[in-house]
Amino acid sequence: MPYYHMKEIWTPLKMIGIKFFKTEDGHLFVKVWKQNRKLIK
């Protein structure tokens, strides 16, 4: 994965361990518990 500057997006799913991140380019990543971030958009 290239170097991305990501900002975490707060959602209620964060309380159960699902986090969403958005890059400056508009790409959306998801991270579930301790797994790696995966590109979803």
C-alpha atoms as a PDB file:
ATOM      1  CA  MET A   1       0.000   0.000   0.000  1.00  0.00           C
ATOM      2  CA  PRO A   2       1.466   3.385  -0.915  1.00  0.00           C
ATOM      3  CA  TYR A   3       1.754   6.121   1.646  1.00  0.00           C
ATOM      4  CA  TYR A   4      -1.647   7.677   2.334  1.00  0.00           C
ATOM      5  CA  HIS A   5      -2.597  10.424   4.723  1.00  0.00           C
ATOM      6  CA  MET A   6      -5.805   9.132   6.318  1.00  0.00           C
ATOM      7  CA  LYS A   7      -8.406  10.707   8.539  1.00  0.00           C
ATOM      8  CA  GLU A   8     -10.645   8.520  10.685  1.00  0.00           C
ATOM      9  CA  ILE A   9     -14.387   8.919  10.180  1.00  0.00           C
ATOM     10  CA  TRP A  10     -16.450   8.526  13.336  1.00  0.00           C
ATOM     11  CA  THR A  11     -19.389   6.108  13.078  1.00  0.00           C
ATOM     12  CA  PRO A  12     -21.304   4.142  15.736  1.00  0.00           C
ATOM     13  CA  LEU A  13     -19.627   0.994  14.356  1.00  0.00           C
ATOM     14  CA  LYS A  14     -16.386   2.173  15.973  1.00  0.00           C
ATOM     15  CA  MET A  15     -17.748   0.958  19.327  1.00  0.00           C
ATOM     16  CA  ILE A  16     -17.655  -2.658  18.090  1.00  0.00           C
ATOM     17  CA  GLY A  17     -14.276  -2.347  16.379  1.00  0.00           C
ATOM     18  CA  ILE A  18     -15.091  -1.358  12.792  1.00  0.00           C
ATOM     19  CA  LYS A  19     -13.279   1.828  11.770  1.00  0.00           C
ATOM     20  CA  PHE A  20     -13.512   3.822   8.544  1.00  0.00           C
ATOM     21  CA  PHE A  21     -10.728   5.983   7.126  1.00  0.00           C
ATOM     22  CA  LYS A  22     -10.786   8.500   4.282  1.00  0.00           C
ATOM     23  CA  THR A  23      -7.747   9.679   2.324  1.00  0.00           C
ATOM     24  CA  GLU A  24      -7.119  13.100   0.833  1.00  0.00           C
ATOM     25  CA  ASP A  25      -7.844  11.606  -2.604  1.00  0.00           C
ATOM     26  CA  GLY A  26     -11.312  10.423  -1.537  1.00  0.00           C
ATOM     27  CA  HIS A  27     -10.531   6.705  -1.164  1.00  0.00           C
ATOM     28  CA  LEU A  28     -12.372   4.932   1.636  1.00  0.00           C
ATOM     29  CA  PHE A  29     -10.787   2.198   3.757  1.00  0.00           C
ATOM     30  CA  VAL A  30     -12.250  -0.059   6.441  1.00  0.00           C
ATOM     31  CA  LYS A  31     -10.442  -1.701   9.345  1.00  0.00           C
ATOM     32  CA  VAL A  32     -12.073  -4.496  11.342  1.00  0.00           C
ATOM     33  CA  TRP A  33     -10.531  -5.081  14.767  1.00  0.00           C
ATOM     34  CA  LYS A  34      -6.826  -5.826  14.278  1.00  0.00           C
ATOM     35  CA  GLN A  35      -6.870  -6.671  10.586  1.00  0.00           C
ATOM     36  CA  ASN A  36      -5.206  -4.544   7.909  1.00  0.00           C
ATOM     37  CA  ARG A  37      -7.050  -1.677   6.278  1.00  0.00           C
ATOM     38  CA  LYS A  38      -8.881  -2.659   3.110  1.00  0.00           C
ATOM     39  CA  LEU A  39      -9.889  -0.371   0.267  1.00  0.00           C
ATOM     40  CA  ILE A  40     -13.675  -0.340  -0.260  1.00  0.00           C
ATOM     41  CA  LYS A  41     -14.085   2.617  -2.616  1.00  0.00           C
END
